[in-house]
């Protein structure tokens, strides 16, 4: 069985860590999507695709046009796509800020889900894993717009898991509390970094979830802190 892997947001810190792991695994072809690329992750089976704004459906359609449609293949997609904005109370949040979070965290991933579903309908099945956030299920002060948009993403995950049964598509998400990235270390420089989950550890987890995609659909796995 051929296995094709798609990673959206492959050039970010989480994306690079996950990609460094998944490019060593048993995928026939790997397609990396982002707005730009460094000189990482080269190989005969690795294809890099420059993308534009994923809130625009035609841009997502163009990205998926790069993927061959094969009836004897399985398709696996991991999305790191999204963004963070916070620091204000609900009554201080503008409509523009709220809509930006909805576009970045929900609309982009809705478009990915829509076009992967169309691709999988013509194959033997597959799985999609999104990146949600711990705060989606555990509300925090000054994070309403971000948390609400991630909670909406969780609804997408669970609905797609139900509707995806008919086309053998599994839908899941990870919901990290905080990951060990340079940006997060700068933001919370007095924290115990040893307890933070590393992007490479997420990569191994994603591979395990893909391997067991037939029994994991609908799950949103919270990633709080690592044991030390």
Protein backbone atom coordinates (compact mmCIF):
# COMPACT_ATOMS: atom_id res chain seq x y z
CA UNK A 1 0.00 0.00 0.00
CA UNK A 2 1.40 3.38 -1.00
CA UNK A 3 1.42 6.01 1.73
CA UNK A 4 1.60 9.69 0.84
CA UNK A 5 2.32 12.34 3.48
CA UNK A 6 1.34 16.03 3.35
CA UNK A 7 2.66 18.51 5.93
CA UNK A 8 1.27 22.05 5.91
CA UNK A 9 3.39 24.55 7.82
CA UNK A 10 6.50 22.42 7.40
CA UNK A 11 8.94 25.32 7.73
CA UNK A 12 7.88 26.58 11.16
CA UNK A 13 9.51 25.40 14.39
CA UNK A 14 6.88 22.74 15.06
CA UNK A 15 6.74 21.82 11.40
CA UNK A 16 10.50 21.38 11.12
CA UNK A 17 10.65 19.17 14.19
CA UNK A 18 7.82 16.96 13.00
CA UNK A 19 9.15 16.86 9.44
CA UNK A 20 12.62 15.83 10.63
CA UNK A 21 11.02 12.72 12.12
CA UNK A 22 8.42 11.89 9.48
CA UNK A 23 10.85 12.15 6.56
CA UNK A 24 12.67 9.12 8.03
CA UNK A 25 9.53 6.99 8.04
CA UNK A 26 7.92 4.69 5.49
CA UNK A 27 6.11 7.17 3.25
CA UNK A 28 6.26 6.71 -0.52
CA UNK A 29 6.17 10.46 -1.19
CA UNK A 30 6.25 13.46 1.12
CA UNK A 31 4.83 16.86 0.18
CA UNK A 32 5.88 19.86 2.28
CA UNK A 33 3.84 23.06 2.07
CA UNK A 34 4.75 26.50 3.38
CA UNK A 35 5.16 30.14 2.38
CA UNK A 36 8.95 29.72 2.18
CA UNK A 37 11.57 27.05 2.79
CA UNK A 38 15.05 26.85 4.24
CA UNK A 39 17.49 24.30 2.85
CA UNK A 40 16.20 21.46 5.00
CA UNK A 41 14.60 18.13 4.10
CA UNK A 42 15.83 17.23 0.65
CA UNK A 43 15.42 13.82 -0.94
CA UNK A 44 14.08 12.02 -3.97
CA UNK A 45 10.72 11.44 -2.29
CA UNK A 46 10.41 14.95 -0.80
CA UNK A 47 8.56 17.64 -2.74
CA UNK A 48 8.37 21.25 -1.54
CA UNK A 49 5.40 23.37 -2.55
CA UNK A 50 5.19 27.12 -1.99
CA UNK A 51 1.70 28.14 -0.91
CA UNK A 52 -0.26 31.37 -0.61
CA UNK A 53 -2.96 32.45 1.85
CA UNK A 54 -4.83 29.27 2.84
CA UNK A 55 -7.95 31.18 3.80
CA UNK A 56 -8.46 31.56 0.04
CA UNK A 57 -9.99 28.33 -1.26
CA UNK A 58 -8.44 28.55 -4.72
CA UNK A 59 -4.96 28.63 -3.14
CA UNK A 60 -5.70 25.39 -1.29
CA UNK A 61 -7.07 23.85 -4.46
CA UNK A 62 -3.86 24.79 -6.28
CA UNK A 63 -1.79 23.19 -3.52
CA UNK A 64 -3.73 19.93 -3.77
CA UNK A 65 -3.32 19.93 -7.54
CA UNK A 66 0.31 18.99 -6.82
CA UNK A 67 -0.78 15.67 -5.28
CA UNK A 68 -1.27 12.65 -7.57
CA UNK A 69 -4.64 10.93 -7.22
CA UNK A 70 -4.09 7.18 -6.89
CA UNK A 71 -6.79 4.67 -6.04
CA UNK A 72 -4.33 2.29 -4.34
CA UNK A 73 -2.83 4.88 -1.98
CA UNK A 74 -3.47 6.21 1.51
CA UNK A 75 -3.10 9.94 2.23
CA UNK A 76 -1.94 11.40 5.55
CA UNK A 77 -1.97 15.12 6.35
CA UNK A 78 -0.54 16.95 9.35
CA UNK A 79 -1.35 20.64 9.74
CA UNK A 80 0.51 23.08 11.97
CA UNK A 81 -1.40 25.92 10.34
CA UNK A 82 -2.71 28.58 12.69
CA UNK A 83 -1.71 31.59 14.70
CA UNK A 84 -1.80 33.14 18.17
CA UNK A 85 -3.13 36.46 19.35
CA UNK A 86 -3.94 37.39 22.92
CA UNK A 87 -3.43 39.75 25.81
CA UNK A 88 -6.86 41.43 25.87
CA UNK A 89 -10.17 40.92 27.64
CA UNK A 90 -13.30 40.04 25.68
CA UNK A 91 -14.52 43.64 25.84
CA UNK A 92 -11.16 44.87 24.56
CA UNK A 93 -11.15 42.50 21.58
CA UNK A 94 -12.02 44.02 18.22
CA UNK A 95 -14.10 42.28 15.58
CA UNK A 96 -11.06 42.41 13.33
CA UNK A 97 -8.87 40.56 15.84
CA UNK A 98 -11.58 37.95 16.39
CA UNK A 99 -12.09 37.36 12.67
CA UNK A 100 -8.32 37.10 12.11
CA UNK A 101 -8.14 34.26 14.63
CA UNK A 102 -11.11 32.51 13.04
CA UNK A 103 -9.53 32.81 9.61
CA UNK A 104 -6.08 31.62 10.75
CA UNK A 105 -7.17 28.76 12.98
CA UNK A 106 -10.48 27.58 11.51
CA UNK A 107 -10.97 28.64 7.88
CA UNK A 108 -7.49 27.51 6.81
CA UNK A 109 -7.96 24.07 8.32
CA UNK A 110 -11.52 23.78 7.04
CA UNK A 111 -10.14 24.26 3.53
CA UNK A 112 -7.47 21.61 4.10
CA UNK A 113 -10.08 19.18 5.45
CA UNK A 114 -12.35 19.82 2.48
CA UNK A 115 -9.74 19.12 -0.16
CA UNK A 116 -8.14 16.18 1.62
CA UNK A 117 -11.61 14.64 1.90
CA UNK A 118 -12.07 14.98 -1.84
CA UNK A 119 -8.67 13.36 -2.42
CA UNK A 120 -9.33 10.50 -0.01
CA UNK A 121 -12.68 9.70 -1.64
CA UNK A 122 -10.72 8.44 -4.63
CA UNK A 123 -8.24 6.38 -2.58
CA UNK A 124 -8.25 3.63 0.03
CA UNK A 125 -8.48 6.10 2.93
CA UNK A 126 -6.25 8.17 5.14
CA UNK A 127 -6.04 10.55 8.09
CA UNK A 128 -5.71 14.21 8.97
CA UNK A 129 -4.23 15.57 12.19
CA UNK A 130 -4.68 19.22 13.10
CA UNK A 131 -2.89 21.35 15.69
CA UNK A 132 -5.37 22.68 18.23
CA UNK A 133 -4.49 24.10 21.66
CA UNK A 134 -4.89 23.13 25.30
CA UNK A 135 -6.79 26.35 25.97
CA UNK A 136 -9.55 25.27 23.56
CA UNK A 137 -10.89 23.00 26.32
CA UNK A 138 -9.52 24.94 29.30
CA UNK A 139 -10.41 28.65 28.95
CA UNK A 140 -7.82 31.15 30.09
CA UNK A 141 -7.92 34.86 30.75
CA UNK A 142 -7.00 37.16 27.85
CA UNK A 143 -7.13 34.40 25.21
CA UNK A 144 -10.77 34.47 24.11
CA UNK A 145 -10.31 35.00 20.37
CA UNK A 146 -7.52 32.42 20.13
CA UNK A 147 -9.22 29.85 22.35
CA UNK A 148 -12.60 30.21 20.67
CA UNK A 149 -11.12 29.71 17.21
CA UNK A 150 -9.29 26.59 18.41
CA UNK A 151 -12.50 25.31 20.05
CA UNK A 152 -14.21 25.71 16.68
CA UNK A 153 -11.38 23.70 15.15
CA UNK A 154 -12.10 20.95 17.69
CA UNK A 155 -15.71 20.86 16.47
CA UNK A 156 -14.42 20.50 12.92
CA UNK A 157 -12.23 17.57 14.01
CA UNK A 158 -15.07 15.71 15.67
CA UNK A 159 -17.60 16.36 12.91
CA UNK A 160 -15.14 15.27 10.24
CA UNK A 161 -14.52 12.09 12.21
CA UNK A 162 -18.23 11.26 11.95
CA UNK A 163 -18.68 12.25 8.32
CA UNK A 164 -15.32 10.77 7.32
CA UNK A 165 -16.35 7.22 8.21
CA UNK A 166 -18.03 6.79 4.83
CA UNK A 167 -14.81 7.59 2.97
CA UNK A 168 -12.38 5.90 5.42
CA UNK A 169 -10.97 9.24 6.58
CA UNK A 170 -9.80 9.59 10.19
CA UNK A 171 -9.76 13.01 11.82
CA UNK A 172 -7.70 13.87 14.92
CA UNK A 173 -5.90 16.75 16.61
CA UNK A 174 -3.17 17.41 19.12
CA UNK A 175 -3.75 20.15 21.68
CA UNK A 176 -0.41 21.31 23.13
CA UNK A 177 -0.15 23.44 26.26
CA UNK A 178 3.28 24.78 25.31
CA UNK A 179 6.01 23.44 23.04
CA UNK A 180 9.77 23.83 23.34
CA UNK A 181 10.44 26.39 20.61
CA UNK A 182 12.75 29.41 20.45
CA UNK A 183 9.80 31.78 20.40
CA UNK A 184 8.22 30.22 23.49
CA UNK A 185 11.54 30.19 25.37
CA UNK A 186 11.90 33.91 24.69
CA UNK A 187 8.30 34.54 25.78
CA UNK A 188 8.56 32.48 29.01
CA UNK A 189 12.27 32.65 29.75
CA UNK A 190 11.96 31.74 33.44
CA UNK A 191 10.22 28.41 32.85
CA UNK A 192 11.54 24.88 33.27
CA UNK A 193 12.21 24.05 29.62
CA UNK A 194 12.89 20.39 30.44
CA UNK A 195 9.17 19.91 31.03
CA UNK A 196 8.21 21.32 27.65
CA UNK A 197 7.40 18.90 24.85
CA UNK A 198 9.82 19.05 21.94
CA UNK A 199 8.65 19.24 18.30
CA UNK A 200 10.57 16.03 17.51
CA UNK A 201 8.60 14.23 20.23
CA UNK A 202 5.43 15.47 18.59
CA UNK A 203 6.72 14.01 15.32
CA UNK A 204 7.02 10.54 16.83
CA UNK A 205 3.54 10.89 18.29
CA UNK A 206 2.08 11.96 14.94
CA UNK A 207 3.61 8.91 13.28
CA UNK A 208 2.10 6.62 15.91
CA UNK A 209 -1.31 8.25 15.43
CA UNK A 210 -1.06 7.81 11.68
CA UNK A 211 -0.10 4.14 12.10
CA UNK A 212 -3.21 3.61 14.20
CA UNK A 213 -5.51 5.98 12.34
CA UNK A 214 -8.32 3.45 12.06
CA UNK A 215 -8.91 3.45 15.83
CA UNK A 216 -8.07 7.06 16.73
CA UNK A 217 -10.61 9.05 14.75
CA UNK A 218 -12.34 11.84 16.66
CA UNK A 219 -9.73 12.11 19.39
CA UNK A 220 -8.13 15.38 20.48
CA UNK A 221 -5.01 14.55 22.43
CA UNK A 222 -4.03 17.11 25.05
CA UNK A 223 -0.27 17.55 25.51
CA UNK A 224 0.33 19.27 28.86
CA UNK A 225 3.91 18.78 30.06
CA UNK A 226 6.46 16.02 29.75
CA UNK A 227 7.64 13.90 32.68
CA UNK A 228 11.23 14.51 33.77
